[in-house]
N, C-alpha and C. Protein backbone atom coordinates (compact mmCIF):
# COMPACT_ATOMS: atom_id res chain seq x y z
N UNK A 1 12.51 -40.47 -38.04
CA UNK A 1 11.37 -39.32 -38.22
C UNK A 1 10.45 -39.51 -37.41
N UNK A 2 10.11 -40.64 -36.52
CA UNK A 2 9.13 -40.66 -35.72
C UNK A 2 9.72 -40.23 -34.63
N UNK A 3 11.15 -39.95 -34.22
CA UNK A 3 11.65 -39.47 -33.25
C UNK A 3 11.57 -37.94 -33.04
N UNK A 4 12.03 -37.28 -34.45
CA UNK A 4 11.79 -35.78 -34.62
C UNK A 4 10.30 -35.04 -34.36
N UNK A 5 9.67 -36.09 -34.74
CA UNK A 5 7.89 -35.67 -34.59
C UNK A 5 7.46 -35.60 -33.29
N UNK A 6 8.27 -36.58 -32.13
CA UNK A 6 7.84 -36.59 -31.17
C UNK A 6 8.62 -35.49 -30.30
N UNK A 7 9.95 -35.27 -30.62
CA UNK A 7 10.52 -33.87 -30.38
C UNK A 7 10.03 -32.83 -30.27
N UNK A 8 9.65 -32.78 -31.71
CA UNK A 8 8.41 -31.26 -32.12
C UNK A 8 7.05 -31.37 -31.02
N UNK A 9 6.56 -32.61 -30.80
CA UNK A 9 5.43 -32.55 -29.88
C UNK A 9 6.00 -32.43 -28.45
N UNK A 10 7.08 -32.93 -27.97
CA UNK A 10 7.45 -32.70 -26.71
C UNK A 10 7.89 -31.23 -26.51
N UNK A 11 8.31 -30.21 -27.78
CA UNK A 11 8.69 -29.14 -27.48
C UNK A 11 7.45 -28.53 -27.20
N UNK A 12 6.50 -28.73 -28.19
CA UNK A 12 4.87 -27.81 -27.98
C UNK A 12 4.15 -28.05 -26.56
N UNK A 13 4.26 -29.22 -25.77
CA UNK A 13 3.67 -29.73 -24.70
C UNK A 13 4.79 -28.83 -23.57
N UNK A 14 5.82 -28.67 -23.84
CA UNK A 14 6.46 -27.96 -22.88
C UNK A 14 6.07 -26.42 -22.76
N UNK A 15 6.28 -26.09 -23.99
CA UNK A 15 5.63 -24.54 -23.91
C UNK A 15 4.12 -24.74 -23.30
N UNK A 16 3.16 -25.56 -23.69
CA UNK A 16 1.94 -25.35 -22.90
C UNK A 16 2.11 -25.64 -21.11
N UNK A 17 2.82 -26.30 -20.73
CA UNK A 17 3.11 -26.81 -19.83
C UNK A 17 3.48 -25.03 -18.88
N UNK A 18 4.42 -24.75 -19.52
CA UNK A 18 5.23 -23.34 -19.03
C UNK A 18 4.14 -22.08 -18.99
N UNK A 19 3.09 -22.10 -20.01
CA UNK A 19 2.17 -21.33 -19.78
C UNK A 19 1.16 -21.39 -18.81
N UNK A 20 0.71 -22.70 -18.70
CA UNK A 20 -0.13 -23.03 -17.17
C UNK A 20 0.58 -22.84 -15.99
N UNK A 21 2.10 -23.08 -16.14
CA UNK A 21 2.12 -22.61 -14.62
C UNK A 21 2.29 -21.13 -14.50
N UNK A 22 2.77 -20.36 -15.26
CA UNK A 22 2.82 -19.07 -15.20
C UNK A 22 1.31 -18.55 -14.77
N UNK A 23 0.22 -19.26 -15.41
CA UNK A 23 -0.99 -18.63 -15.15
C UNK A 23 -1.34 -18.96 -13.60
N UNK A 24 -0.59 -20.12 -13.27
CA UNK A 24 -1.06 -20.26 -11.35
C UNK A 24 0.06 -20.10 -10.50
N UNK A 25 1.05 -19.26 -10.92
CA UNK A 25 1.89 -18.76 -10.08
C UNK A 25 1.15 -17.68 -8.77
N UNK A 26 0.30 -17.24 -9.31
CA UNK A 26 -0.38 -15.89 -8.41
C UNK A 26 -0.96 -16.90 -7.47
N UNK A 27 -1.30 -18.30 -7.66
CA UNK A 27 -2.00 -19.11 -6.67
C UNK A 27 -1.23 -19.23 -5.72
N UNK A 28 0.02 -19.84 -5.85
CA UNK A 28 1.23 -20.24 -5.17
C UNK A 28 1.91 -19.20 -4.42
N UNK A 29 1.66 -17.87 -4.69
CA UNK A 29 2.31 -16.65 -4.14
C UNK A 29 1.37 -16.38 -3.28
N UNK A 30 0.05 -16.49 -3.20
CA UNK A 30 -0.94 -16.28 -2.24
C UNK A 30 -0.92 -17.51 -1.19
N UNK A 31 -0.61 -18.68 -1.33
CA UNK A 31 -0.63 -19.61 -0.55
C UNK A 31 0.75 -19.54 0.28
N UNK A 32 2.06 -19.12 -0.39
CA UNK A 32 2.90 -18.92 0.39
C UNK A 32 2.68 -17.75 1.33
N UNK A 33 2.36 -16.58 0.93
CA UNK A 33 2.03 -15.28 1.70
C UNK A 33 1.14 -15.86 2.96
N UNK A 34 0.34 -16.43 3.04
CA UNK A 34 -0.48 -16.78 3.74
C UNK A 34 0.17 -17.73 4.76
N UNK A 35 1.04 -18.63 4.37
CA UNK A 35 1.89 -19.73 5.18
C UNK A 35 2.67 -19.00 6.09
N UNK A 36 3.40 -18.18 5.40
CA UNK A 36 4.34 -17.41 6.44
C UNK A 36 4.04 -16.50 7.42
N UNK A 37 2.67 -15.83 6.93
CA UNK A 37 1.77 -15.26 7.92
C UNK A 37 1.55 -16.00 9.14
N UNK A 38 1.29 -16.96 8.93
CA UNK A 38 0.64 -17.68 10.31
C UNK A 38 1.47 -18.49 10.90
N UNK A 39 2.51 -18.61 10.18
CA UNK A 39 3.53 -19.01 10.83
C UNK A 39 4.55 -18.08 12.08
N UNK A 40 4.46 -16.69 11.67
CA UNK A 40 4.41 -15.51 12.41
C UNK A 40 3.90 -15.58 13.65
N UNK A 41 2.50 -15.78 13.58
CA UNK A 41 1.95 -15.67 14.67
C UNK A 41 1.97 -16.29 15.99
N UNK A 42 3.35 -16.79 16.30
CA UNK A 42 3.78 -17.50 17.21
C UNK A 42 4.60 -16.45 17.90
N UNK A 43 4.68 -15.32 17.28
CA UNK A 43 5.31 -13.87 17.92
C UNK A 43 4.26 -13.28 18.85
N UNK A 44 3.12 -13.41 18.32
CA UNK A 44 2.02 -13.00 18.77
C UNK A 44 1.62 -13.72 20.53
N UNK A 45 1.81 -15.06 20.25
CA UNK A 45 1.46 -16.15 21.39
C UNK A 45 2.19 -17.18 21.19
N UNK A 46 2.63 -17.48 21.92
CA UNK A 46 3.61 -18.81 21.94
C UNK A 46 2.66 -20.10 21.68
N UNK A 47 1.44 -19.86 21.65
CA UNK A 47 0.49 -21.14 21.66
C UNK A 47 0.26 -21.69 19.87
N UNK A 48 0.26 -20.27 19.17
CA UNK A 48 0.07 -20.38 18.02
C UNK A 48 1.40 -21.17 17.16
N UNK A 49 0.95 -22.28 16.86
CA UNK A 49 1.96 -22.89 16.30
C UNK A 49 1.27 -24.07 15.19
N UNK A 50 1.67 -23.69 14.00
CA UNK A 50 1.10 -24.19 12.89
C UNK A 50 1.93 -24.75 11.87
N UNK A 51 1.46 -26.01 11.62
CA UNK A 51 2.42 -27.15 10.86
C UNK A 51 2.34 -26.85 9.13
N UNK A 52 3.41 -27.29 8.61
CA UNK A 52 3.17 -27.12 7.15
C UNK A 52 2.31 -28.31 6.48
N UNK A 53 2.16 -29.38 7.43
CA UNK A 53 1.14 -30.34 6.68
C UNK A 53 -0.48 -30.12 6.81
N UNK A 54 -0.67 -29.38 8.23
CA UNK A 54 -2.05 -28.95 8.45
C UNK A 54 -2.25 -27.85 7.06
N UNK A 55 -1.35 -26.62 7.01
CA UNK A 55 -1.63 -26.08 6.33
C UNK A 55 -1.92 -26.57 4.58
N UNK A 56 -1.11 -27.28 4.30
CA UNK A 56 -1.25 -28.05 3.18
C UNK A 56 -2.79 -28.98 3.04
N UNK A 57 -3.10 -29.53 3.86
CA UNK A 57 -4.67 -30.00 4.12
C UNK A 57 -5.12 -28.94 3.87
N UNK A 58 -5.57 -27.70 4.44
CA UNK A 58 -6.15 -26.77 4.07
C UNK A 58 -6.26 -25.89 2.93
N UNK A 59 -5.09 -26.04 2.41
CA UNK A 59 -4.92 -25.33 1.02
C UNK A 59 -5.56 -26.14 0.00
N UNK A 60 -5.09 -27.56 0.10
CA UNK A 60 -5.64 -28.27 -1.12
C UNK A 60 -7.32 -28.32 -0.83
N UNK A 61 -7.88 -28.29 0.13
CA UNK A 61 -9.29 -28.28 0.56
C UNK A 61 -9.85 -27.17 -0.03
N UNK A 62 -9.33 -26.25 -0.05
CA UNK A 62 -9.74 -24.72 -0.68
C UNK A 62 -9.66 -25.11 -2.19
N UNK A 63 -8.77 -25.45 -2.91
CA UNK A 63 -8.77 -25.92 -4.19
C UNK A 63 -9.78 -26.73 -4.82
N UNK A 64 -10.13 -27.85 -4.02
CA UNK A 64 -11.07 -28.79 -4.61
C UNK A 64 -12.38 -28.26 -4.29
N UNK A 65 -12.32 -27.36 -3.30
CA UNK A 65 -13.87 -26.61 -3.58
C UNK A 65 -14.14 -25.32 -5.01
N UNK A 66 -13.37 -25.42 -5.42
CA UNK A 66 -13.30 -24.42 -6.91
C UNK A 66 -13.42 -25.33 -7.69
N UNK A 67 -14.87 -25.25 -8.53
CA UNK A 67 -15.20 -26.14 -9.68
C UNK A 67 -15.10 -25.09 -10.93
N UNK A 68 -15.01 -23.97 -11.02
CA UNK A 68 -15.09 -23.36 -12.30
C UNK A 68 -13.79 -23.47 -12.99
N UNK A 69 -14.53 -23.68 -14.13
CA UNK A 69 -13.00 -23.96 -15.23
C UNK A 69 -12.83 -23.27 -16.19
N UNK A 70 -13.15 -22.06 -16.09
CA UNK A 70 -12.79 -20.72 -17.28
C UNK A 70 -11.84 -19.98 -16.55
N UNK A 71 -11.72 -18.67 -17.60
CA UNK A 71 -10.89 -17.88 -17.12
C UNK A 71 -10.98 -17.29 -16.11
N UNK A 72 -11.70 -17.03 -15.00
CA UNK A 72 -12.09 -16.50 -13.36
C UNK A 72 -11.36 -17.79 -12.82
N UNK A 73 -11.04 -18.88 -13.13
CA UNK A 73 -10.73 -19.98 -12.30
C UNK A 73 -9.40 -19.28 -11.20
N UNK A 74 -8.48 -18.98 -11.97
CA UNK A 74 -6.98 -18.42 -10.78
C UNK A 74 -8.00 -17.26 -9.59
N UNK A 75 -9.04 -16.53 -10.29
CA UNK A 75 -9.27 -15.21 -9.41
C UNK A 75 -10.10 -16.37 -8.18
N UNK A 76 -11.16 -17.09 -8.69
CA UNK A 76 -11.71 -17.73 -7.37
C UNK A 76 -10.82 -19.16 -6.40
N UNK A 77 -10.09 -19.30 -7.04
CA UNK A 77 -8.76 -20.08 -6.31
C UNK A 77 -8.07 -19.28 -5.04
N UNK A 78 -7.56 -18.21 -5.62
CA UNK A 78 -7.33 -17.21 -4.53
C UNK A 78 -7.91 -16.85 -3.57
N UNK A 79 -9.39 -16.78 -4.04
CA UNK A 79 -10.48 -16.00 -2.80
C UNK A 79 -10.84 -17.19 -2.15
N UNK A 80 -10.77 -18.55 -2.71
CA UNK A 80 -11.13 -19.61 -1.97
C UNK A 80 -10.37 -20.11 -0.91
N UNK A 81 -8.83 -20.06 -1.46
CA UNK A 81 -7.74 -20.20 -0.74
C UNK A 81 -7.69 -19.35 0.60
N UNK A 82 -7.77 -17.97 0.38
CA UNK A 82 -7.97 -17.05 1.35
C UNK A 82 -9.01 -17.33 2.37
N UNK A 83 -10.11 -17.59 2.11
CA UNK A 83 -11.22 -17.50 2.92
C UNK A 83 -11.12 -18.92 3.61
N UNK A 84 -10.74 -20.18 3.50
CA UNK A 84 -10.76 -21.17 4.01
C UNK A 84 -9.59 -21.10 4.98
N UNK A 85 -8.22 -20.77 4.76
CA UNK A 85 -7.19 -20.59 5.73
C UNK A 85 -7.35 -19.54 6.69
N UNK A 86 -8.13 -18.28 6.25
CA UNK A 86 -8.56 -17.40 7.33
C UNK A 86 -9.57 -17.77 8.24
N UNK A 87 -10.59 -18.76 7.53
CA UNK A 87 -11.55 -19.36 8.29
C UNK A 87 -11.09 -20.18 9.26
N UNK A 88 -10.13 -21.08 9.06
CA UNK A 88 -9.16 -22.53 9.97
C UNK A 88 -8.36 -21.26 10.91
N UNK A 89 -7.79 -20.53 10.73
CA UNK A 89 -6.90 -19.59 11.73
C UNK A 89 -7.66 -19.06 12.40
N UNK A 90 -8.72 -18.47 12.25
CA UNK A 90 -9.98 -17.70 13.10
C UNK A 90 -10.24 -18.79 14.29
N UNK A 91 -10.41 -19.69 13.82
CA UNK A 91 -11.20 -20.65 14.46
C UNK A 91 -10.35 -20.90 15.72
N UNK A 92 -9.02 -20.69 15.57
CA UNK A 92 -8.04 -21.32 16.75
C UNK A 92 -7.34 -19.66 17.90
N UNK A 93 -8.19 -18.78 17.07
CA UNK A 93 -7.18 -17.80 17.91
C UNK A 93 -7.94 -17.37 19.05
N UNK A 94 -7.29 -16.48 20.24
CA UNK A 94 -7.80 -16.09 21.03
C UNK A 94 -8.81 -14.75 20.75
N UNK A 95 -9.93 -14.41 21.22
CA UNK A 95 -10.50 -13.17 20.71
C UNK A 95 -9.58 -12.09 20.45
N UNK A 96 -9.15 -11.60 21.30
CA UNK A 96 -8.05 -10.70 21.16
C UNK A 96 -7.01 -10.66 20.34
N UNK A 97 -6.82 -11.53 19.65
CA UNK A 97 -6.06 -11.54 18.64
C UNK A 97 -6.50 -12.02 16.91
N UNK A 98 -7.58 -11.99 17.10
CA UNK A 98 -8.23 -12.19 15.78
C UNK A 98 -8.19 -10.50 15.21
N UNK A 99 -8.44 -9.56 15.97
CA UNK A 99 -8.16 -8.62 14.99
C UNK A 99 -6.42 -8.26 14.71
N UNK A 100 -5.40 -8.27 15.46
CA UNK A 100 -4.23 -8.84 15.06
C UNK A 100 -3.92 -9.37 13.78
N UNK A 101 -4.58 -10.64 13.31
CA UNK A 101 -4.53 -11.30 12.13
C UNK A 101 -5.04 -10.92 11.23
N UNK A 102 -5.97 -9.94 11.22
CA UNK A 102 -6.70 -9.60 10.01
C UNK A 102 -6.03 -8.25 9.56
N UNK A 103 -5.53 -7.32 10.74
CA UNK A 103 -4.72 -6.31 10.41
C UNK A 103 -3.39 -6.90 9.66
N UNK A 104 -2.57 -7.83 9.95
CA UNK A 104 -1.74 -8.16 9.35
C UNK A 104 -1.89 -8.72 7.96
N UNK A 105 -2.89 -9.37 7.96
CA UNK A 105 -3.17 -9.87 6.60
C UNK A 105 -3.47 -8.87 5.75
N UNK A 106 -4.39 -7.79 6.21
CA UNK A 106 -4.65 -6.50 5.46
C UNK A 106 -3.53 -5.64 4.81
N UNK A 107 -2.58 -5.74 5.95
CA UNK A 107 -1.50 -4.99 5.36
C UNK A 107 -0.36 -5.40 4.46
N UNK A 108 -0.40 -6.84 4.72
CA UNK A 108 0.06 -7.77 3.27
C UNK A 108 -0.72 -7.79 2.15
N UNK A 109 -2.22 -7.60 2.25
CA UNK A 109 -2.67 -7.48 0.96
C UNK A 109 -2.51 -6.00 0.53
N UNK A 110 -2.25 -4.91 1.22
CA UNK A 110 -1.92 -3.66 0.62
C UNK A 110 -0.67 -3.68 0.15
N UNK A 111 0.43 -4.06 0.88
CA UNK A 111 1.87 -4.33 0.29
C UNK A 111 1.87 -5.06 -1.28
N UNK A 112 0.93 -6.10 -1.42
CA UNK A 112 0.95 -6.86 -2.52
C UNK A 112 -0.04 -5.95 -3.83
N UNK A 113 -0.28 -4.99 -3.03
CA UNK A 113 -1.46 -4.24 -4.30
C UNK A 113 -2.80 -4.83 -4.48
N UNK A 114 -3.11 -5.61 -3.58
CA UNK A 114 -4.23 -6.35 -4.01
C UNK A 114 -5.67 -5.36 -3.52
N UNK A 115 -5.34 -5.07 -1.87
CA UNK A 115 -6.02 -3.46 -2.14
C UNK A 115 -5.53 -2.41 -2.43
N UNK A 116 -6.44 -1.88 -3.30
CA UNK A 116 -5.85 -0.78 -3.86
C UNK A 116 -5.80 0.65 -2.93
N UNK A 117 -4.82 1.02 -2.04
CA UNK A 117 -4.82 1.74 -1.42
C UNK A 117 -3.15 2.34 -0.98
N UNK A 118 -3.15 3.68 -0.89
CA UNK A 118 -1.64 4.17 -0.76
C UNK A 118 -1.02 3.32 0.10
N UNK A 119 0.25 2.57 0.12
CA UNK A 119 1.26 1.92 0.55
C UNK A 119 2.32 2.57 0.96
N UNK A 120 2.82 2.90 1.90
CA UNK A 120 4.26 3.37 2.15
C UNK A 120 4.94 2.52 2.98
N UNK A 121 6.06 2.42 2.87
CA UNK A 121 6.86 0.89 3.86
C UNK A 121 7.55 2.00 5.36
N UNK A 122 7.55 3.01 4.91
CA UNK A 122 7.83 4.11 6.41
C UNK A 122 7.13 4.27 7.23
N UNK A 123 5.75 4.35 6.66
CA UNK A 123 4.63 4.44 7.68
C UNK A 123 4.65 2.98 8.03
N UNK A 124 4.36 2.18 8.03
CA UNK A 124 4.56 0.72 8.39
C UNK A 124 5.42 0.48 9.13
N UNK A 125 6.72 0.83 8.83
CA UNK A 125 7.81 0.67 9.78
C UNK A 125 7.38 1.44 11.35
N UNK A 126 7.10 2.76 11.00
CA UNK A 126 6.75 3.56 12.13
C UNK A 126 5.39 3.16 12.67
N UNK A 127 4.42 2.50 12.04
CA UNK A 127 3.32 1.89 12.85
C UNK A 127 3.87 0.77 13.58
N UNK A 128 4.59 0.20 13.82
CA UNK A 128 5.17 -1.39 13.99
C UNK A 128 6.18 -0.96 14.86
N UNK A 129 7.18 -0.46 14.70
CA UNK A 129 8.26 -0.25 15.58
C UNK A 129 8.25 1.06 16.24
N UNK A 130 7.64 2.34 15.63
CA UNK A 130 7.72 3.72 16.58
C UNK A 130 9.24 4.08 15.89
N UNK A 131 9.79 5.28 16.92
CA UNK A 131 10.87 5.93 15.96
C UNK A 131 11.79 4.93 16.51
N UNK A 132 12.77 5.05 15.60
CA UNK A 132 13.93 4.54 15.96
C UNK A 132 15.19 4.73 17.06
N UNK A 133 15.50 6.44 17.17
CA UNK A 133 16.13 6.55 18.31
C UNK A 133 15.73 8.08 18.78
N UNK A 134 15.62 8.34 19.92
CA UNK A 134 15.27 9.53 20.07
C UNK A 134 16.34 10.70 19.61
N UNK A 135 15.50 12.02 19.05
CA UNK A 135 16.57 12.79 18.54
C UNK A 135 16.32 12.64 17.13
N UNK A 136 15.54 11.72 16.28
CA UNK A 136 15.80 11.51 15.22
C UNK A 136 14.74 12.51 14.41
N UNK A 137 14.78 12.66 13.25
CA UNK A 137 13.99 13.75 12.51
C UNK A 137 12.85 13.07 11.95
N UNK A 138 11.77 13.84 12.17
CA UNK A 138 10.43 13.17 11.61
C UNK A 138 10.30 12.56 9.90
N UNK A 139 10.26 11.66 9.64
CA UNK A 139 10.65 11.23 7.97
C UNK A 139 8.88 11.40 7.62
N UNK A 140 8.14 11.49 8.28
CA UNK A 140 7.11 11.29 8.02
C UNK A 140 6.08 12.83 7.45
N UNK A 141 5.79 12.61 6.37
CA UNK A 141 5.12 14.27 6.20
C UNK A 141 3.65 14.57 6.98
N UNK A 142 3.07 13.29 7.04
CA UNK A 142 1.62 13.19 7.55
C UNK A 142 1.72 13.27 9.06
N UNK A 143 2.71 12.97 10.02
CA UNK A 143 2.39 13.08 11.19
C UNK A 143 3.35 14.72 11.69
N UNK A 144 2.45 15.23 12.21
CA UNK A 144 2.96 16.58 13.03
C UNK A 144 4.29 16.46 13.68
N UNK A 145 4.89 17.58 14.00
CA UNK A 145 6.46 17.30 14.89
C UNK A 145 5.96 17.00 15.96
N UNK A 146 4.93 17.46 16.63
CA UNK A 146 4.83 17.49 18.08
C UNK A 146 4.33 16.04 18.39
N UNK A 147 3.57 15.37 17.79
CA UNK A 147 3.26 13.97 17.83
C UNK A 147 4.53 12.75 17.60
N UNK A 148 5.55 13.33 16.64
CA UNK A 148 6.62 12.81 16.70
C UNK A 148 7.37 12.56 17.75
N UNK A 149 7.77 14.02 18.45
CA UNK A 149 8.51 14.20 19.50
C UNK A 149 8.01 13.31 20.80
N UNK A 150 6.49 13.35 20.57
CA UNK A 150 5.95 12.59 22.01
C UNK A 150 6.08 11.02 21.97
N UNK A 151 6.55 10.55 20.82
CA UNK A 151 6.68 9.17 20.75
C UNK A 151 7.48 8.57 21.51
């Protein structure tokens, strides 16, 4: 009888853990997005090398700053992580690369629909890469044909 009671208690505990884990999934996604963004900064300049260990320290520093324990905790955690990591990264960037980093972060937030604006992948591809081959047709309605041909 005791084993059956403990098994039922274990099932209840497992459900509670699964619910809690789902709540914090957005916090983990924010951390992953920021980490992969900052490790790609070495494309901008080879001097920008960030280790997972250093990111881990700042990630948990941001978590420990949040003392809210109510329903706004998840939102506060995300804000704290974003602010702490961005502050850490901005300290180490050259002045000319700070705007590049903030632009990349803004585009990622637009892509994740954190910033409510119209985001289209085709526009982003054009902004980053330009047109693929000479003589291709203009797939962007907002860009005049003369501007497309001059790229």
